[in-house]
């Protein structure tokens, strides 16, 4: 369980150290998505160790479902096309810089 929590904290910390530009954010989110894949493997391995005779059980199915929802949300965000930044108004320039003496 400590490994799972550590993994979640490390995934979230990646976002806090990313630069403010779009590409860095997308790269950080892709890394989080990759780490979520690793976490899902850890959760699956922990689920196999489930003690059947225990009075209280950890709900691995809910954890897996929610990690998949988070991973899917990140994937949906990364799949969105990036809109180019366009200025509000573009002033057409003349391009004629020669002044003739009269």
Protein backbone atom coordinates (compact mmCIF):
# COMPACT_ATOMS: atom_id res chain seq x y z
CA UNK A 1 0.00 0.00 0.00
CA UNK A 2 2.86 2.38 0.80
CA UNK A 3 4.30 1.72 -2.66
CA UNK A 4 0.99 2.65 -4.29
CA UNK A 5 0.71 5.89 -2.31
CA UNK A 6 4.33 6.75 -3.07
CA UNK A 7 3.67 6.18 -6.76
CA UNK A 8 0.62 8.45 -6.72
CA UNK A 9 2.53 11.20 -4.93
CA UNK A 10 5.45 10.92 -7.34
CA UNK A 11 3.09 11.11 -10.33
CA UNK A 12 1.49 14.25 -9.02
CA UNK A 13 4.84 15.84 -8.20
CA UNK A 14 5.89 15.55 -11.85
CA UNK A 15 3.26 18.10 -12.77
CA UNK A 16 4.44 20.60 -10.17
CA UNK A 17 7.99 20.72 -11.54
CA UNK A 18 7.03 21.01 -15.19
CA UNK A 19 7.64 24.24 -17.03
CA UNK A 20 4.69 26.43 -17.86
CA UNK A 21 4.76 25.81 -21.60
CA UNK A 22 2.31 23.50 -23.33
CA UNK A 23 4.86 20.97 -24.55
CA UNK A 24 6.35 20.49 -21.10
CA UNK A 25 2.89 20.01 -19.64
CA UNK A 26 2.00 17.42 -22.29
CA UNK A 27 5.28 15.61 -21.70
CA UNK A 28 4.65 15.58 -17.94
CA UNK A 29 1.11 14.27 -18.45
CA UNK A 30 2.41 11.51 -20.72
CA UNK A 31 4.85 10.58 -17.95
CA UNK A 32 2.01 10.51 -15.41
CA UNK A 33 0.06 8.26 -17.77
CA UNK A 34 3.06 5.93 -18.01
CA UNK A 35 3.43 5.89 -14.23
CA UNK A 36 -0.26 5.05 -13.90
CA UNK A 37 0.38 1.97 -16.05
CA UNK A 38 3.09 0.96 -13.60
CA UNK A 39 0.78 1.62 -10.67
CA UNK A 40 -1.91 -0.56 -12.21
CA UNK A 41 0.62 -3.40 -12.39
CA UNK A 42 1.53 -2.86 -8.72
CA UNK A 43 -2.13 -2.84 -7.72
CA UNK A 44 -2.70 -6.06 -9.66
CA UNK A 45 0.24 -7.70 -7.89
CA UNK A 46 -1.01 -6.51 -4.50
CA UNK A 47 -4.50 -7.80 -5.32
CA UNK A 48 -3.03 -11.29 -5.84
CA UNK A 49 -1.70 -11.17 -2.27
CA UNK A 50 -5.20 -10.58 -0.87
CA UNK A 51 -5.72 -12.50 2.35
CA UNK A 52 -9.05 -14.30 1.92
CA UNK A 53 -9.56 -14.92 5.63
CA UNK A 54 -9.07 -11.27 6.62
CA UNK A 55 -11.97 -9.49 8.32
CA UNK A 56 -11.44 -6.29 6.32
CA UNK A 57 -10.40 -6.19 2.67
CA UNK A 58 -8.90 -3.40 0.62
CA UNK A 59 -11.09 -2.58 -2.39
CA UNK A 60 -8.59 -3.15 -5.19
CA UNK A 61 -11.29 -3.16 -7.86
CA UNK A 62 -12.35 0.38 -7.00
CA UNK A 63 -8.72 1.55 -6.94
CA UNK A 64 -8.07 -0.03 -10.34
CA UNK A 65 -11.24 1.48 -11.78
CA UNK A 66 -10.38 4.98 -10.53
CA UNK A 67 -6.77 4.78 -11.73
CA UNK A 68 -8.10 3.77 -15.17
CA UNK A 69 -10.52 6.73 -15.11
CA UNK A 70 -7.65 9.12 -14.32
CA UNK A 71 -5.48 7.53 -17.03
CA UNK A 72 -8.34 7.79 -19.52
CA UNK A 73 -8.92 11.46 -18.65
CA UNK A 74 -5.26 12.25 -19.24
CA UNK A 75 -5.37 10.32 -22.52
CA UNK A 76 -8.45 12.26 -23.63
CA UNK A 77 -6.71 15.54 -22.83
CA UNK A 78 -3.55 14.53 -24.71
CA UNK A 79 -5.61 13.44 -27.72
CA UNK A 80 -7.11 16.91 -28.11
CA UNK A 81 -5.53 18.92 -30.91
CA UNK A 82 -3.49 21.86 -29.78
CA UNK A 83 -4.95 25.12 -31.00
CA UNK A 84 -2.41 27.43 -32.57
CA UNK A 85 -2.07 30.77 -30.83
CA UNK A 86 -3.43 33.42 -33.14
CA UNK A 87 -3.21 37.14 -32.45
CA UNK A 88 -6.49 39.02 -32.03
CA UNK A 89 -5.91 41.26 -35.01
CA UNK A 90 -3.32 41.23 -37.71
CA UNK A 91 -2.34 44.56 -39.18
CA UNK A 92 -1.31 44.34 -42.80
CA UNK A 93 1.97 46.11 -43.42
CA UNK A 94 2.72 48.14 -46.53
CA UNK A 95 6.27 46.99 -47.08
CA UNK A 96 7.18 50.17 -48.96
CA UNK A 97 9.88 51.99 -47.03
CA UNK A 98 11.30 54.20 -49.78
CA UNK A 99 10.35 57.87 -49.67
CA UNK A 100 11.02 59.84 -52.83
CA UNK A 101 12.06 63.48 -52.63
CA UNK A 102 9.83 65.82 -54.63
